[in-house]
């Protein structure tokens, strides 16, 4: 169902790919809309309990696309460094394929708390207050990972 990585010599194992998912500051969500165009949007996220979660407003382009087609991809890129003499780059990247869906209740709150801890750990109380006040107006989307590939040139 999913293509194999062409450059097997640069393949990362699953554990390495997950480490990058856990540490990268942001990723790019790619969706497909009913107009046939791909839409890639950078966003913050959390890799949590084997899934990817992100939060967003109650409406928008990415949600419209997910409603049309729940199959998505999500890409993160780790440290990059130009290698001018080799006409290349040093990098790490991970691409995830999965299905996206809104979550509710405890799962939603748990994901929001995990996001606060990742991005605003020193301000956890303030983050929890924000969740209590604004959580109702915030959507949380989970990407249920079906396939993951990692690639690196070190």
C-alpha atoms as a PDB file:
ATOM      1  CA  UNK A   1       0.000   0.000   0.000  1.00  0.00           C
ATOM      2  CA  UNK A   2       2.850   2.417   0.807  1.00  0.00           C
ATOM      3  CA  UNK A   3       5.958   2.750  -1.337  1.00  0.00           C
ATOM      4  CA  UNK A   4       9.262   1.609   0.098  1.00  0.00           C
ATOM      5  CA  UNK A   5      12.007   4.145   0.619  1.00  0.00           C
ATOM      6  CA  UNK A   6      14.145   4.297  -2.518  1.00  0.00           C
ATOM      7  CA  UNK A   7      17.399   5.118  -0.689  1.00  0.00           C
ATOM      8  CA  UNK A   8      17.463   2.244   1.781  1.00  0.00           C
ATOM      9  CA  UNK A   9      21.002   3.231   2.788  1.00  0.00           C
ATOM     10  CA  UNK A  10      19.516   6.403   4.322  1.00  0.00           C
ATOM     11  CA  UNK A  11      16.587   4.730   6.024  1.00  0.00           C
ATOM     12  CA  UNK A  12      16.058   5.418   9.727  1.00  0.00           C
ATOM     13  CA  UNK A  13      14.636   2.669  11.896  1.00  0.00           C
ATOM     14  CA  UNK A  14      11.271   3.234  13.594  1.00  0.00           C
ATOM     15  CA  UNK A  15      12.847   4.095  16.953  1.00  0.00           C
ATOM     16  CA  UNK A  16      15.004   6.833  15.384  1.00  0.00           C
ATOM     17  CA  UNK A  17      12.007   8.180  13.470  1.00  0.00           C
ATOM     18  CA  UNK A  18       9.932   8.365  16.645  1.00  0.00           C
ATOM     19  CA  UNK A  19      12.745  10.185  18.474  1.00  0.00           C
ATOM     20  CA  UNK A  20      12.682  12.835  15.761  1.00  0.00           C
ATOM     21  CA  UNK A  21       8.875  13.060  15.967  1.00  0.00           C
ATOM     22  CA  UNK A  22       9.178  13.557  19.724  1.00  0.00           C
ATOM     23  CA  UNK A  23      11.776  16.312  19.459  1.00  0.00           C
ATOM     24  CA  UNK A  24      11.000  18.343  16.327  1.00  0.00           C
ATOM     25  CA  UNK A  25       9.514  21.780  17.071  1.00  0.00           C
ATOM     26  CA  UNK A  26       6.981  21.730  14.239  1.00  0.00           C
ATOM     27  CA  UNK A  27       5.787  19.707  11.291  1.00  0.00           C
ATOM     28  CA  UNK A  28       3.965  20.187   8.019  1.00  0.00           C
ATOM     29  CA  UNK A  29       0.513  18.673   7.634  1.00  0.00           C
ATOM     30  CA  UNK A  30      -0.486  17.848   4.064  1.00  0.00           C
ATOM     31  CA  UNK A  31      -4.096  17.315   3.080  1.00  0.00           C
ATOM     32  CA  UNK A  32      -5.999  17.034  -0.188  1.00  0.00           C
ATOM     33  CA  UNK A  33      -9.023  19.171  -0.922  1.00  0.00           C
ATOM     34  CA  UNK A  34     -12.024  18.688  -3.139  1.00  0.00           C
ATOM     35  CA  UNK A  35     -10.419  21.040  -5.681  1.00  0.00           C
ATOM     36  CA  UNK A  36      -7.713  18.400  -6.186  1.00  0.00           C
ATOM     37  CA  UNK A  37      -4.909  20.533  -4.791  1.00  0.00           C
ATOM     38  CA  UNK A  38      -2.598  19.462  -2.017  1.00  0.00           C
ATOM     39  CA  UNK A  39      -2.428  21.819   0.970  1.00  0.00           C
ATOM     40  CA  UNK A  40       0.596  21.835   3.258  1.00  0.00           C
ATOM     41  CA  UNK A  41       0.505  23.856   6.455  1.00  0.00           C
ATOM     42  CA  UNK A  42       3.193  24.117   9.145  1.00  0.00           C
ATOM     43  CA  UNK A  43       1.936  23.633  12.685  1.00  0.00           C
ATOM     44  CA  UNK A  44       2.993  22.705  16.169  1.00  0.00           C
ATOM     45  CA  UNK A  45       2.082  19.233  17.347  1.00  0.00           C
ATOM     46  CA  UNK A  46       2.736  16.546  19.896  1.00  0.00           C
ATOM     47  CA  UNK A  47       3.686  12.926  19.313  1.00  0.00           C
ATOM     48  CA  UNK A  48       1.721  11.363  22.142  1.00  0.00           C
ATOM     49  CA  UNK A  49       0.760   7.781  22.885  1.00  0.00           C
ATOM     50  CA  UNK A  50       1.696   6.623  19.402  1.00  0.00           C
ATOM     51  CA  UNK A  51      -0.280   9.289  17.544  1.00  0.00           C
ATOM     52  CA  UNK A  52       0.188  12.861  16.392  1.00  0.00           C
ATOM     53  CA  UNK A  53      -2.093  15.546  17.801  1.00  0.00           C
ATOM     54  CA  UNK A  54      -2.482  19.196  16.890  1.00  0.00           C
ATOM     55  CA  UNK A  55      -4.944  21.895  17.836  1.00  0.00           C
ATOM     56  CA  UNK A  56      -6.647  24.438  15.628  1.00  0.00           C
ATOM     57  CA  UNK A  57      -9.569  26.820  15.321  1.00  0.00           C
ATOM     58  CA  UNK A  58     -13.095  25.508  14.915  1.00  0.00           C
ATOM     59  CA  UNK A  59     -13.045  26.003  11.146  1.00  0.00           C
ATOM     60  CA  UNK A  60     -10.570  26.447   8.336  1.00  0.00           C
ATOM     61  CA  UNK A  61      -8.894  25.077   5.230  1.00  0.00           C
ATOM     62  CA  UNK A  62      -7.249  22.046   6.840  1.00  0.00           C
ATOM     63  CA  UNK A  63     -10.490  21.004   8.553  1.00  0.00           C
ATOM     64  CA  UNK A  64     -12.415  21.346   5.295  1.00  0.00           C
ATOM     65  CA  UNK A  65      -9.858  19.119   3.588  1.00  0.00           C
ATOM     66  CA  UNK A  66      -9.880  16.537   6.400  1.00  0.00           C
ATOM     67  CA  UNK A  67     -13.687  16.405   6.211  1.00  0.00           C
ATOM     68  CA  UNK A  68     -13.363  15.748   2.474  1.00  0.00           C
ATOM     69  CA  UNK A  69     -10.504  13.217   2.753  1.00  0.00           C
ATOM     70  CA  UNK A  70      -9.208  12.045   6.129  1.00  0.00           C
ATOM     71  CA  UNK A  71      -5.997  10.585   4.645  1.00  0.00           C
ATOM     72  CA  UNK A  72      -3.099  12.905   5.460  1.00  0.00           C
ATOM     73  CA  UNK A  73       0.664  13.017   5.616  1.00  0.00           C
ATOM     74  CA  UNK A  74       2.780  14.803   8.174  1.00  0.00           C
ATOM     75  CA  UNK A  75       6.456  15.687   7.742  1.00  0.00           C
ATOM     76  CA  UNK A  76       9.108  16.822  10.210  1.00  0.00           C
ATOM     77  CA  UNK A  77      12.683  17.781   9.437  1.00  0.00           C
ATOM     78  CA  UNK A  78      15.458  17.614  11.992  1.00  0.00           C
ATOM     79  CA  UNK A  79      18.839  19.294  11.988  1.00  0.00           C
ATOM     80  CA  UNK A  80      19.997  20.325   8.532  1.00  0.00           C
ATOM     81  CA  UNK A  81      23.429  21.405   7.431  1.00  0.00           C
ATOM     82  CA  UNK A  82      24.692  22.249   3.952  1.00  0.00           C
ATOM     83  CA  UNK A  83      27.531  20.134   2.570  1.00  0.00           C
ATOM     84  CA  UNK A  84      28.759  22.513  -0.162  1.00  0.00           C
ATOM     85  CA  UNK A  85      31.663  20.332  -1.291  1.00  0.00           C
ATOM     86  CA  UNK A  86      29.268  17.409  -1.815  1.00  0.00           C
ATOM     87  CA  UNK A  87      26.542  19.569  -3.386  1.00  0.00           C
ATOM     88  CA  UNK A  88      24.220  18.118  -0.788  1.00  0.00           C
ATOM     89  CA  UNK A  89      22.790  18.444   2.713  1.00  0.00           C
ATOM     90  CA  UNK A  90      23.017  16.649   6.026  1.00  0.00           C
ATOM     91  CA  UNK A  91      19.490  16.083   7.371  1.00  0.00           C
ATOM     92  CA  UNK A  92      16.970  13.910   9.163  1.00  0.00           C
ATOM     93  CA  UNK A  93      13.328  13.726   8.175  1.00  0.00           C
ATOM     94  CA  UNK A  94      10.248  11.702   8.961  1.00  0.00           C
ATOM     95  CA  UNK A  95       7.045  11.337   6.986  1.00  0.00           C
ATOM     96  CA  UNK A  96       3.947   9.884   8.589  1.00  0.00           C
ATOM     97  CA  UNK A  97       0.857   8.693   6.748  1.00  0.00           C
ATOM     98  CA  UNK A  98      -2.416   8.251   8.553  1.00  0.00           C
ATOM     99  CA  UNK A  99      -6.026   9.218   9.005  1.00  0.00           C
ATOM    100  CA  UNK A 100      -7.012  12.399  10.794  1.00  0.00           C
ATOM    101  CA  UNK A 101     -10.060  12.802  13.011  1.00  0.00           C
ATOM    102  CA  UNK A 102     -11.249  15.165  15.710  1.00  0.00           C
ATOM    103  CA  UNK A 103     -11.018  13.920  19.298  1.00  0.00           C
ATOM    104  CA  UNK A 104     -13.179  14.920  22.253  1.00  0.00           C
ATOM    105  CA  UNK A 105     -13.427  14.621  26.018  1.00  0.00           C
ATOM    106  CA  UNK A 106     -10.513  13.211  27.993  1.00  0.00           C
ATOM    107  CA  UNK A 107      -8.451  12.467  24.904  1.00  0.00           C
ATOM    108  CA  UNK A 108      -8.780  16.089  23.747  1.00  0.00           C
ATOM    109  CA  UNK A 109      -7.836  17.475  27.149  1.00  0.00           C
ATOM    110  CA  UNK A 110      -4.936  15.036  27.488  1.00  0.00           C
ATOM    111  CA  UNK A 111      -3.556  16.110  24.089  1.00  0.00           C
ATOM    112  CA  UNK A 112      -3.889  19.816  24.945  1.00  0.00           C
ATOM    113  CA  UNK A 113      -2.054  19.276  28.237  1.00  0.00           C
ATOM    114  CA  UNK A 114       0.713  17.390  26.391  1.00  0.00           C
ATOM    115  CA  UNK A 115       1.013  20.318  23.935  1.00  0.00           C
ATOM    116  CA  UNK A 116       1.321  22.777  26.828  1.00  0.00           C
ATOM    117  CA  UNK A 117       4.043  20.651  28.435  1.00  0.00           C
ATOM    118  CA  UNK A 118       6.001  20.438  25.164  1.00  0.00           C
ATOM    119  CA  UNK A 119       5.855  24.106  24.204  1.00  0.00           C
ATOM    120  CA  UNK A 120       5.235  25.981  27.466  1.00  0.00           C
ATOM    121  CA  UNK A 121       6.426  23.648  30.207  1.00  0.00           C
ATOM    122  CA  UNK A 122       7.503  26.496  32.481  1.00  0.00           C
ATOM    123  CA  UNK A 123       4.002  27.972  32.239  1.00  0.00           C
ATOM    124  CA  UNK A 124       1.970  24.819  32.741  1.00  0.00           C
ATOM    125  CA  UNK A 125      -0.520  26.433  35.156  1.00  0.00           C
ATOM    126  CA  UNK A 126      -1.179  29.258  32.709  1.00  0.00           C
ATOM    127  CA  UNK A 127      -1.644  26.685  29.952  1.00  0.00           C
ATOM    128  CA  UNK A 128      -4.110  24.667  32.016  1.00  0.00           C
ATOM    129  CA  UNK A 129      -6.081  27.842  32.703  1.00  0.00           C
ATOM    130  CA  UNK A 130      -6.132  28.600  28.972  1.00  0.00           C
ATOM    131  CA  UNK A 131      -7.422  25.080  28.264  1.00  0.00           C
ATOM    132  CA  UNK A 132     -10.224  25.555  30.821  1.00  0.00           C
ATOM    133  CA  UNK A 133     -11.185  28.931  29.350  1.00  0.00           C
ATOM    134  CA  UNK A 134     -10.748  28.249  25.623  1.00  0.00           C
ATOM    135  CA  UNK A 135     -10.851  24.487  25.215  1.00  0.00           C
ATOM    136  CA  UNK A 136     -14.453  24.610  24.064  1.00  0.00           C
ATOM    137  CA  UNK A 137     -13.448  26.799  21.100  1.00  0.00           C
ATOM    138  CA  UNK A 138     -10.449  24.664  20.184  1.00  0.00           C
ATOM    139  CA  UNK A 139     -10.472  21.557  18.042  1.00  0.00           C
ATOM    140  CA  UNK A 140      -7.928  18.809  18.551  1.00  0.00           C
ATOM    141  CA  UNK A 141      -7.140  16.514  15.660  1.00  0.00           C
ATOM    142  CA  UNK A 142      -5.440  13.138  15.996  1.00  0.00           C
ATOM    143  CA  UNK A 143      -3.485  11.516  13.210  1.00  0.00           C
ATOM    144  CA  UNK A 144      -3.732   7.782  13.671  1.00  0.00           C
ATOM    145  CA  UNK A 145      -0.397   6.674  12.219  1.00  0.00           C
ATOM    146  CA  UNK A 146      -0.661   3.933   9.604  1.00  0.00           C
ATOM    147  CA  UNK A 147       2.838   4.185   8.128  1.00  0.00           C
ATOM    148  CA  UNK A 148       6.038   5.962   9.062  1.00  0.00           C
ATOM    149  CA  UNK A 149       9.308   6.435   7.197  1.00  0.00           C
ATOM    150  CA  UNK A 150      12.469   8.149   8.305  1.00  0.00           C
ATOM    151  CA  UNK A 151      15.396   9.191   6.165  1.00  0.00           C
ATOM    152  CA  UNK A 152      18.750  10.656   7.152  1.00  0.00           C
ATOM    153  CA  UNK A 153      22.026  11.730   5.674  1.00  0.00           C
ATOM    154  CA  UNK A 154      24.425  12.219   8.546  1.00  0.00           C
END
